[in-house]
Amino acid sequence: MAAWDALAKANELPLVEFLGGTKKRIPAYGSLRTMYRDSVVEEVRALAGMGFDAYKVKIGHGDIKTDLRIINALRDVIGEAELAVDYNQSLSVTGALERVRVLDEEGLYWIEEPTRADDFAGHARITSEARTPICIGENWWGPHDVHKSIEQVACDYGMPDAMKIGGVTGWMRAAALAEPTSLPLNSHIFPEISAHLLAASPTAHRLEYLDTAGAVLKNPIRIEDGRAIVPEGPGIGLEWDEEAVERYLVR
């Protein structure tokens, strides 16, 4: 990622344009950090001013009744916005199928990583039986995992992680694999570079907005009306706020 940033800067182009894409606004969703009803409701309220029309919450802390309580609590505050859920690999295939049969009645945007990330056959079985779209990919370790997922029809949405997929080179290879089957791609964290990569991807779908670096950046990624703004400057557009970094140093 750093090497591609340097190349784009040397050519005085934003990374997206250096990759052959164009600067555009990328639909984003608010990714919630916690798994508890009261705290996720407060998170949504804090993000409301960004205009998101979709959110994602982590579930699986307890039984399906607990999952439904969190889903229903969020529905009360997000209104007509889409809601995705993320199990973070916490279920067996059988357990996932049991919960999916209930969640299929909830009109969810997608169900993410219901079972172990490298169980492509298990995810394929869940995908084939679920009416709700299944999303995997944040644990794809390189484009070869993308190929396995596509070959086994293991998901309805893909979600590359800019680091795990192999940086910019790995992402672009993954995007090329996704295009022939029209597999929609979401991003996983790293929103600053993911905005560039999605804008250069033929099947780009949504950017995950989970701000982990904004406090130490001069210009954190901007979200307007629920869309991520690809930075204008050369390269990725990451610049450290040295004074902020200094405040967080542990000596």
C-alpha atoms as a PDB file:
ATOM      1  CA  MET A   1       0.000   0.000   0.000  1.00  0.00           C
ATOM      2  CA  ALA A   2       2.844   2.377   0.845  1.00  0.00           C
ATOM      3  CA  ALA A   3       4.616   1.589  -2.429  1.00  0.00           C
ATOM      4  CA  TRP A   4       1.489   2.322  -4.489  1.00  0.00           C
ATOM      5  CA  ASP A   5       0.962   5.513  -2.481  1.00  0.00           C
ATOM      6  CA  ALA A   6       4.504   6.605  -3.384  1.00  0.00           C
ATOM      7  CA  LEU A   7       4.005   5.734  -7.073  1.00  0.00           C
ATOM      8  CA  ALA A   8       0.769   7.720  -7.270  1.00  0.00           C
ATOM      9  CA  LYS A   9       2.402  10.683  -5.528  1.00  0.00           C
ATOM     10  CA  ALA A  10       5.362  10.539  -7.928  1.00  0.00           C
ATOM     11  CA  ASN A  11       2.853  10.821 -10.779  1.00  0.00           C
ATOM     12  CA  GLU A  12       0.934  13.574  -8.947  1.00  0.00           C
ATOM     13  CA  LEU A  13      -2.326  11.620  -9.108  1.00  0.00           C
ATOM     14  CA  PRO A  14      -4.825  10.378  -6.534  1.00  0.00           C
ATOM     15  CA  LEU A  15      -4.413   6.624  -6.182  1.00  0.00           C
ATOM     16  CA  VAL A  16      -7.799   5.944  -7.807  1.00  0.00           C
ATOM     17  CA  GLU A  17      -6.805   7.822 -10.968  1.00  0.00           C
ATOM     18  CA  PHE A  18      -3.385   6.165 -11.042  1.00  0.00           C
ATOM     19  CA  LEU A  19      -5.276   2.841 -11.032  1.00  0.00           C
ATOM     20  CA  GLY A  20      -7.427   3.958 -13.958  1.00  0.00           C
ATOM     21  CA  GLY A  21     -10.549   4.806 -11.961  1.00  0.00           C
ATOM     22  CA  THR A  22     -12.282   8.112 -11.338  1.00  0.00           C
ATOM     23  CA  LYS A  23     -12.987  10.043  -8.154  1.00  0.00           C
ATOM     24  CA  LYS A  24     -16.584   9.476  -7.124  1.00  0.00           C
ATOM     25  CA  ARG A  25     -18.700   9.208  -4.028  1.00  0.00           C
ATOM     26  CA  ILE A  26     -18.827   5.673  -2.667  1.00  0.00           C
ATOM     27  CA  PRO A  27     -21.990   4.504  -0.859  1.00  0.00           C
ATOM     28  CA  ALA A  28     -21.014   3.721   2.730  1.00  0.00           C
ATOM     29  CA  TYR A  29     -22.598   2.176   5.791  1.00  0.00           C
ATOM     30  CA  GLY A  30     -22.074   2.782   9.481  1.00  0.00           C
ATOM     31  CA  SER A  31     -20.303  -0.171  11.097  1.00  0.00           C
ATOM     32  CA  LEU A  32     -21.109  -0.413  14.811  1.00  0.00           C
ATOM     33  CA  ARG A  33     -18.427  -1.437  17.281  1.00  0.00           C
ATOM     34  CA  THR A  34     -20.285  -3.043  20.153  1.00  0.00           C
ATOM     35  CA  MET A  35     -22.697  -5.957  20.583  1.00  0.00           C
ATOM     36  CA  TYR A  36     -25.005  -4.669  23.303  1.00  0.00           C
ATOM     37  CA  ARG A  37     -28.436  -3.149  22.758  1.00  0.00           C
ATOM     38  CA  ASP A  38     -28.027   0.141  24.615  1.00  0.00           C
ATOM     39  CA  SER A  39     -24.530   0.907  23.322  1.00  0.00           C
ATOM     40  CA  VAL A  40     -25.302   0.162  19.642  1.00  0.00           C
ATOM     41  CA  VAL A  41     -28.356   2.426  19.799  1.00  0.00           C
ATOM     42  CA  GLU A  42     -26.136   5.224  21.134  1.00  0.00           C
ATOM     43  CA  GLU A  43     -23.611   4.578  18.329  1.00  0.00           C
ATOM     44  CA  VAL A  44     -26.315   4.938  15.693  1.00  0.00           C
ATOM     45  CA  ARG A  45     -27.433   8.222  17.190  1.00  0.00           C
ATOM     46  CA  ALA A  46     -23.835   9.475  17.112  1.00  0.00           C
ATOM     47  CA  LEU A  47     -23.503   8.556  13.421  1.00  0.00           C
ATOM     48  CA  ALA A  48     -26.921   9.852  12.356  1.00  0.00           C
ATOM     49  CA  GLY A  49     -25.582  13.180  11.112  1.00  0.00           C
ATOM     50  CA  MET A  50     -23.535  11.431   8.425  1.00  0.00           C
ATOM     51  CA  GLY A  51     -26.658  10.419   6.539  1.00  0.00           C
ATOM     52  CA  PHE A  52     -26.102   6.667   6.345  1.00  0.00           C
ATOM     53  CA  ASP A  53     -28.864   4.600   4.783  1.00  0.00           C
ATOM     54  CA  ALA A  54     -27.333   1.340   6.025  1.00  0.00           C
ATOM     55  CA  TYR A  55     -25.731   0.026   9.221  1.00  0.00           C
ATOM     56  CA  LYS A  56     -24.080  -3.170  10.409  1.00  0.00           C
ATOM     57  CA  VAL A  57     -24.132  -4.663  13.897  1.00  0.00           C
ATOM     58  CA  LYS A  58     -22.233  -7.574  15.403  1.00  0.00           C
ATOM     59  CA  ILE A  59     -24.466 -10.272  16.855  1.00  0.00           C
ATOM     60  CA  GLY A  60     -24.003 -13.807  18.203  1.00  0.00           C
ATOM     61  CA  HIS A  61     -23.553 -12.802  21.849  1.00  0.00           C
ATOM     62  CA  GLY A  62     -26.123 -15.211  23.197  1.00  0.00           C
ATOM     63  CA  ASP A  63     -28.979 -17.014  21.467  1.00  0.00           C
ATOM     64  CA  ILE A  64     -31.218 -16.017  18.562  1.00  0.00           C
ATOM     65  CA  LYS A  65     -33.577 -14.204  20.936  1.00  0.00           C
ATOM     66  CA  THR A  66     -30.702 -11.919  21.935  1.00  0.00           C
ATOM     67  CA  ASP A  67     -29.902 -11.348  18.250  1.00  0.00           C
ATOM     68  CA  LEU A  68     -33.504 -10.374  17.574  1.00  0.00           C
ATOM     69  CA  ARG A  69     -33.640  -7.975  20.528  1.00  0.00           C
ATOM     70  CA  ILE A  70     -30.616  -6.097  19.175  1.00  0.00           C
ATOM     71  CA  ILE A  71     -32.044  -6.071  15.637  1.00  0.00           C
ATOM     72  CA  ASN A  72     -35.413  -4.773  16.841  1.00  0.00           C
ATOM     73  CA  ALA A  73     -33.827  -2.105  19.035  1.00  0.00           C
ATOM     74  CA  LEU A  74     -31.829  -0.806  16.089  1.00  0.00           C
ATOM     75  CA  ARG A  75     -34.827  -0.835  13.771  1.00  0.00           C
ATOM     76  CA  ASP A  76     -36.505   1.581  16.152  1.00  0.00           C
ATOM     77  CA  VAL A  77     -33.728   4.156  15.606  1.00  0.00           C
ATOM     78  CA  ILE A  78     -32.567   3.576  11.996  1.00  0.00           C
ATOM     79  CA  GLY A  79     -36.041   3.684  10.466  1.00  0.00           C
ATOM     80  CA  GLU A  80     -36.001   2.653   6.802  1.00  0.00           C
ATOM     81  CA  ALA A  81     -32.207   2.229   6.632  1.00  0.00           C
ATOM     82  CA  GLU A  82     -30.808  -1.180   5.715  1.00  0.00           C
ATOM     83  CA  LEU A  83     -29.403  -3.364   8.499  1.00  0.00           C
ATOM     84  CA  ALA A  84     -26.695  -6.019   8.070  1.00  0.00           C
ATOM     85  CA  VAL A  85     -25.499  -8.358  10.828  1.00  0.00           C
ATOM     86  CA  ASP A  86     -22.078  -9.904  11.452  1.00  0.00           C
ATOM     87  CA  TYR A  87     -21.468 -13.162  13.324  1.00  0.00           C
ATOM     88  CA  ASN A  88     -17.661 -12.949  13.099  1.00  0.00           C
ATOM     89  CA  GLN A  89     -17.287 -16.704  12.393  1.00  0.00           C
ATOM     90  CA  SER A  90     -18.941 -17.630  15.710  1.00  0.00           C
ATOM     91  CA  LEU A  91     -21.342 -20.370  14.553  1.00  0.00           C
ATOM     92  CA  SER A  92     -21.090 -23.898  13.272  1.00  0.00           C
ATOM     93  CA  VAL A  93     -22.636 -24.514   9.864  1.00  0.00           C
ATOM     94  CA  THR A  94     -25.596 -26.272  11.493  1.00  0.00           C
ATOM     95  CA  GLY A  95     -25.993 -23.508  14.065  1.00  0.00           C
ATOM     96  CA  ALA A  96     -25.798 -20.883  11.341  1.00  0.00           C
ATOM     97  CA  LEU A  97     -28.524 -22.585   9.336  1.00  0.00           C
ATOM     98  CA  GLU A  98     -30.780 -22.696  12.409  1.00  0.00           C
ATOM     99  CA  ARG A  99     -30.379 -18.948  12.955  1.00  0.00           C
ATOM    100  CA  VAL A 100     -30.583 -18.065   9.273  1.00  0.00           C
ATOM    101  CA  ARG A 101     -34.020 -19.700   9.057  1.00  0.00           C
ATOM    102  CA  VAL A 102     -35.204 -17.220  11.688  1.00  0.00           C
ATOM    103  CA  LEU A 103     -33.278 -14.216  10.357  1.00  0.00           C
ATOM    104  CA  ASP A 104     -34.642 -14.803   6.849  1.00  0.00           C
ATOM    105  CA  GLU A 105     -37.874 -13.287   8.152  1.00  0.00           C
ATOM    106  CA  GLU A 106     -36.125 -10.059   9.239  1.00  0.00           C
ATOM    107  CA  GLY A 107     -35.403  -8.515   5.832  1.00  0.00           C
ATOM    108  CA  LEU A 108     -31.694  -8.025   6.606  1.00  0.00           C
ATOM    109  CA  TYR A 109     -29.249  -6.512   4.129  1.00  0.00           C
ATOM    110  CA  TRP A 110     -26.796  -9.375   4.604  1.00  0.00           C
ATOM    111  CA  ILE A 111     -25.489 -11.882   7.156  1.00  0.00           C
ATOM    112  CA  GLU A 112     -21.709 -11.719   7.473  1.00  0.00           C
ATOM    113  CA  GLU A 113     -19.283 -14.563   8.236  1.00  0.00           C
ATOM    114  CA  PRO A 114     -21.767 -16.871   9.952  1.00  0.00           C
ATOM    115  CA  THR A 115     -19.169 -19.664  10.198  1.00  0.00           C
ATOM    116  CA  ARG A 116     -15.404 -20.189  10.041  1.00  0.00           C
ATOM    117  CA  ALA A 117     -13.827 -17.910   7.440  1.00  0.00           C
ATOM    118  CA  ASP A 118     -11.874 -20.626   5.621  1.00  0.00           C
ATOM    119  CA  ASP A 119     -14.837 -23.019   5.414  1.00  0.00           C
ATOM    120  CA  PHE A 120     -15.816 -22.143   1.859  1.00  0.00           C
ATOM    121  CA  ALA A 121     -17.906 -25.304   1.480  1.00  0.00           C
ATOM    122  CA  GLY A 122     -19.781 -24.501   4.690  1.00  0.00           C
ATOM    123  CA  HIS A 123     -20.476 -20.966   3.565  1.00  0.00           C
ATOM    124  CA  ALA A 124     -21.600 -22.304   0.189  1.00  0.00           C
ATOM    125  CA  ARG A 125     -24.141 -24.537   1.938  1.00  0.00           C
ATOM    126  CA  ILE A 126     -25.417 -21.607   4.020  1.00  0.00           C
ATOM    127  CA  THR A 127     -25.581 -19.356   0.956  1.00  0.00           C
ATOM    128  CA  SER A 128     -27.546 -21.949  -1.004  1.00  0.00           C
ATOM    129  CA  GLU A 129     -30.151 -22.374   1.753  1.00  0.00           C
ATOM    130  CA  ALA A 130     -30.464 -18.766   2.976  1.00  0.00           C
ATOM    131  CA  ARG A 131     -32.839 -16.234   1.441  1.00  0.00           C
ATOM    132  CA  THR A 132     -30.808 -13.446   3.043  1.00  0.00           C
ATOM    133  CA  PRO A 133     -27.553 -12.598   1.198  1.00  0.00           C
ATOM    134  CA  ILE A 134     -24.367 -13.948   2.771  1.00  0.00           C
ATOM    135  CA  CYS A 135     -21.232 -11.791   2.929  1.00  0.00           C
ATOM    136  CA  ILE A 136     -17.674 -13.054   3.512  1.00  0.00           C
ATOM    137  CA  GLY A 137     -14.187 -11.902   2.586  1.00  0.00           C
ATOM    138  CA  GLU A 138     -12.576  -9.831   5.326  1.00  0.00           C
ATOM    139  CA  ASN A 139     -10.390 -12.892   5.954  1.00  0.00           C
ATOM    140  CA  TRP A 140      -9.557 -13.644   2.338  1.00  0.00           C
ATOM    141  CA  TRP A 141      -5.780 -14.051   2.393  1.00  0.00           C
ATOM    142  CA  GLY A 142      -5.021 -13.124  -1.194  1.00  0.00           C
ATOM    143  CA  PRO A 143      -6.875 -13.469  -4.500  1.00  0.00           C
ATOM    144  CA  HIS A 144      -6.688 -17.278  -4.385  1.00  0.00           C
ATOM    145  CA  ASP A 145      -9.263 -17.222  -1.569  1.00  0.00           C
ATOM    146  CA  VAL A 146     -11.494 -15.043  -3.743  1.00  0.00           C
ATOM    147  CA  HIS A 147     -11.235 -17.668  -6.470  1.00  0.00           C
ATOM    148  CA  LYS A 148     -12.203 -20.443  -4.015  1.00  0.00           C
ATOM    149  CA  SER A 149     -15.230 -18.458  -2.845  1.00  0.00           C
ATOM    150  CA  ILE A 150     -16.424 -17.732  -6.367  1.00  0.00           C
ATOM    151  CA  GLU A 151     -15.809 -21.303  -7.503  1.00  0.00           C
ATOM    152  CA  GLN A 152     -17.898 -22.729  -4.651  1.00  0.00           C
ATOM    153  CA  VAL A 153     -20.501 -19.917  -4.694  1.00  0.00           C
ATOM    154  CA  ALA A 154     -19.696 -19.305  -1.035  1.00  0.00           C
ATOM    155  CA  CYS A 155     -21.215 -15.814  -0.808  1.00  0.00           C
ATOM    156  CA  ASP A 156     -23.493 -13.209  -2.354  1.00  0.00           C
ATOM    157  CA  TYR A 157     -21.253 -10.279  -1.348  1.00  0.00           C
ATOM    158  CA  GLY A 158     -17.473 -10.139  -1.077  1.00  0.00           C
ATOM    159  CA  MET A 159     -15.556  -8.005   1.406  1.00  0.00           C
ATOM    160  CA  PRO A 160     -11.811  -7.734   0.777  1.00  0.00           C
ATOM    161  CA  ASP A 161      -9.579  -6.316   3.479  1.00  0.00           C
ATOM    162  CA  ALA A 162      -6.987  -4.036   1.846  1.00  0.00           C
ATOM    163  CA  MET A 163      -4.158  -5.499   3.910  1.00  0.00           C
ATOM    164  CA  LYS A 164      -5.088  -9.192   3.971  1.00  0.00           C
ATOM    165  CA  ILE A 165      -5.995  -9.346   0.272  1.00  0.00           C
ATOM    166  CA  GLY A 166      -2.450  -8.314  -0.621  1.00  0.00           C
ATOM    167  CA  GLY A 167      -2.493  -4.531  -0.688  1.00  0.00           C
ATOM    168  CA  VAL A 168      -3.384  -2.608  -3.829  1.00  0.00           C
ATOM    169  CA  THR A 169      -2.064  -5.307  -6.161  1.00  0.00           C
ATOM    170  CA  GLY A 170      -4.022  -8.057  -4.410  1.00  0.00           C
ATOM    171  CA  TRP A 171      -7.182  -5.945  -4.327  1.00  0.00           C
ATOM    172  CA  MET A 172      -7.083  -5.209  -8.040  1.00  0.00           C
ATOM    173  CA  ARG A 173      -6.589  -8.900  -8.795  1.00  0.00           C
ATOM    174  CA  ALA A 174      -9.555  -9.708  -6.549  1.00  0.00           C
ATOM    175  CA  ALA A 175     -11.656  -7.066  -8.310  1.00  0.00           C
ATOM    176  CA  ALA A 176     -10.756  -8.622 -11.661  1.00  0.00           C
ATOM    177  CA  LEU A 177     -11.915 -12.030 -10.414  1.00  0.00           C
ATOM    178  CA  ALA A 178     -15.175 -10.575  -9.103  1.00  0.00           C
ATOM    179  CA  GLU A 179     -16.124  -8.781 -12.322  1.00  0.00           C
ATOM    180  CA  PRO A 180     -17.021 -11.780 -14.572  1.00  0.00           C
ATOM    181  CA  THR A 181     -19.507 -13.108 -12.006  1.00  0.00           C
ATOM    182  CA  SER A 182     -20.729  -9.631 -10.971  1.00  0.00           C
ATOM    183  CA  LEU A 183     -19.836 -10.347  -7.338  1.00  0.00           C
ATOM    184  CA  PRO A 184     -20.499  -7.084  -5.438  1.00  0.00           C
ATOM    185  CA  LEU A 185     -17.531  -5.967  -3.329  1.00  0.00           C
ATOM    186  CA  ASN A 186     -17.695  -4.170  -0.005  1.00  0.00           C
ATOM    187  CA  SER A 187     -14.604  -3.024   1.864  1.00  0.00           C
ATOM    188  CA  HIS A 188     -13.365  -4.034   5.311  1.00  0.00           C
ATOM    189  CA  ILE A 189     -12.024  -1.213   7.513  1.00  0.00           C
ATOM    190  CA  PHE A 190      -9.111   0.923   6.136  1.00  0.00           C
ATOM    191  CA  PRO A 191     -11.677   3.421   4.742  1.00  0.00           C
ATOM    192  CA  GLU A 192      -9.015   5.918   3.615  1.00  0.00           C
ATOM    193  CA  ILE A 193      -7.487   3.565   1.030  1.00  0.00           C
ATOM    194  CA  SER A 194     -10.647   1.486   0.510  1.00  0.00           C
ATOM    195  CA  ALA A 195     -12.416   4.514  -0.982  1.00  0.00           C
ATOM    196  CA  HIS A 196      -9.773   4.650  -3.732  1.00  0.00           C
ATOM    197  CA  LEU A 197      -9.862   0.890  -4.311  1.00  0.00           C
ATOM    198  CA  LEU A 198     -13.649   0.664  -4.493  1.00  0.00           C
ATOM    199  CA  ALA A 199     -13.763   3.609  -6.907  1.00  0.00           C
ATOM    200  CA  ALA A 200     -11.453   1.611  -9.194  1.00  0.00           C
ATOM    201  CA  SER A 201     -13.419  -1.676  -8.842  1.00  0.00           C
ATOM    202  CA  PRO A 202     -16.063  -2.622 -11.458  1.00  0.00           C
ATOM    203  CA  THR A 203     -18.374  -4.319  -8.920  1.00  0.00           C
ATOM    204  CA  ALA A 204     -17.943  -1.885  -6.015  1.00  0.00           C
ATOM    205  CA  HIS A 205     -20.894  -1.917  -3.626  1.00  0.00           C
ATOM    206  CA  ARG A 206     -20.321  -0.270  -0.218  1.00  0.00           C
ATOM    207  CA  LEU A 207     -17.549   1.103   1.972  1.00  0.00           C
ATOM    208  CA  GLU A 208     -17.436   0.066   5.604  1.00  0.00           C
ATOM    209  CA  TYR A 209     -17.142   3.200   7.714  1.00  0.00           C
ATOM    210  CA  LEU A 210     -15.438   2.359  10.984  1.00  0.00           C
ATOM    211  CA  ASP A 211     -13.208   5.226  12.007  1.00  0.00           C
ATOM    212  CA  THR A 212     -10.063   3.857  13.667  1.00  0.00           C
ATOM    213  CA  ALA A 213      -7.474   6.415  12.522  1.00  0.00           C
ATOM    214  CA  GLY A 214      -9.294   9.739  12.234  1.00  0.00           C
ATOM    215  CA  ALA A 215      -8.024  11.002  15.573  1.00  0.00           C
ATOM    216  CA  VAL A 216      -4.419  11.049  14.308  1.00  0.00           C
ATOM    217  CA  LEU A 217      -5.011  12.177  10.699  1.00  0.00           C
ATOM    218  CA  LYS A 218      -4.918  15.732   9.376  1.00  0.00           C
ATOM    219  CA  ASN A 219      -7.815  15.023   7.041  1.00  0.00           C
ATOM    220  CA  PRO A 220      -9.942  12.031   8.099  1.00  0.00           C
ATOM    221  CA  ILE A 221     -12.096  10.529   5.375  1.00  0.00           C
ATOM    222  CA  ARG A 222     -15.242  12.576   4.802  1.00  0.00           C
ATOM    223  CA  ILE A 223     -18.743  11.144   4.698  1.00  0.00           C
ATOM    224  CA  GLU A 224     -21.476  13.279   3.148  1.00  0.00           C
ATOM    225  CA  ASP A 225     -25.064  12.076   2.793  1.00  0.00           C
ATOM    226  CA  GLY A 226     -23.914   8.549   3.552  1.00  0.00           C
ATOM    227  CA  ARG A 227     -21.216   8.527   0.863  1.00  0.00           C
ATOM    228  CA  ALA A 228     -17.445   8.459   1.229  1.00  0.00           C
ATOM    229  CA  ILE A 229     -15.535  11.214  -0.561  1.00  0.00           C
ATOM    230  CA  VAL A 230     -12.378  10.002  -2.315  1.00  0.00           C
ATOM    231  CA  PRO A 231      -9.553  12.397  -1.326  1.00  0.00           C
ATOM    232  CA  GLU A 232      -8.440  14.924  -3.964  1.00  0.00           C
ATOM    233  CA  GLY A 233      -4.685  14.999  -3.342  1.00  0.00           C
ATOM    234  CA  PRO A 234      -1.960  12.734  -4.750  1.00  0.00           C
ATOM    235  CA  GLY A 235      -1.567   9.199  -3.454  1.00  0.00           C
ATOM    236  CA  ILE A 236      -3.886   7.814  -0.807  1.00  0.00           C
ATOM    237  CA  GLY A 237      -4.204  11.167   0.929  1.00  0.00           C
ATOM    238  CA  LEU A 238      -3.018  10.030   4.346  1.00  0.00           C
ATOM    239  CA  GLU A 239      -1.252  12.702   6.378  1.00  0.00           C
ATOM    240  CA  TRP A 240      -0.494  12.274  10.052  1.00  0.00           C
ATOM    241  CA  ASP A 241      -1.481  14.969  12.517  1.00  0.00           C
ATOM    242  CA  GLU A 242       1.849  15.012  14.370  1.00  0.00           C
ATOM    243  CA  GLU A 243       0.468  16.971  17.328  1.00  0.00           C
ATOM    244  CA  ALA A 244      -2.325  14.428  17.765  1.00  0.00           C
ATOM    245  CA  VAL A 245       0.148  11.552  17.498  1.00  0.00           C
ATOM    246  CA  GLU A 246       2.270  13.216  20.194  1.00  0.00           C
ATOM    247  CA  ARG A 247      -0.709  13.335  22.544  1.00  0.00           C
ATOM    248  CA  TYR A 248      -1.206   9.583  22.244  1.00  0.00           C
ATOM    249  CA  LEU A 249       2.442   8.610  22.781  1.00  0.00           C
ATOM    250  CA  VAL A 250       3.194   6.442  25.811  1.00  0.00           C
ATOM    251  CA  ARG A 251       6.626   7.203  27.198  1.00  0.00           C
END
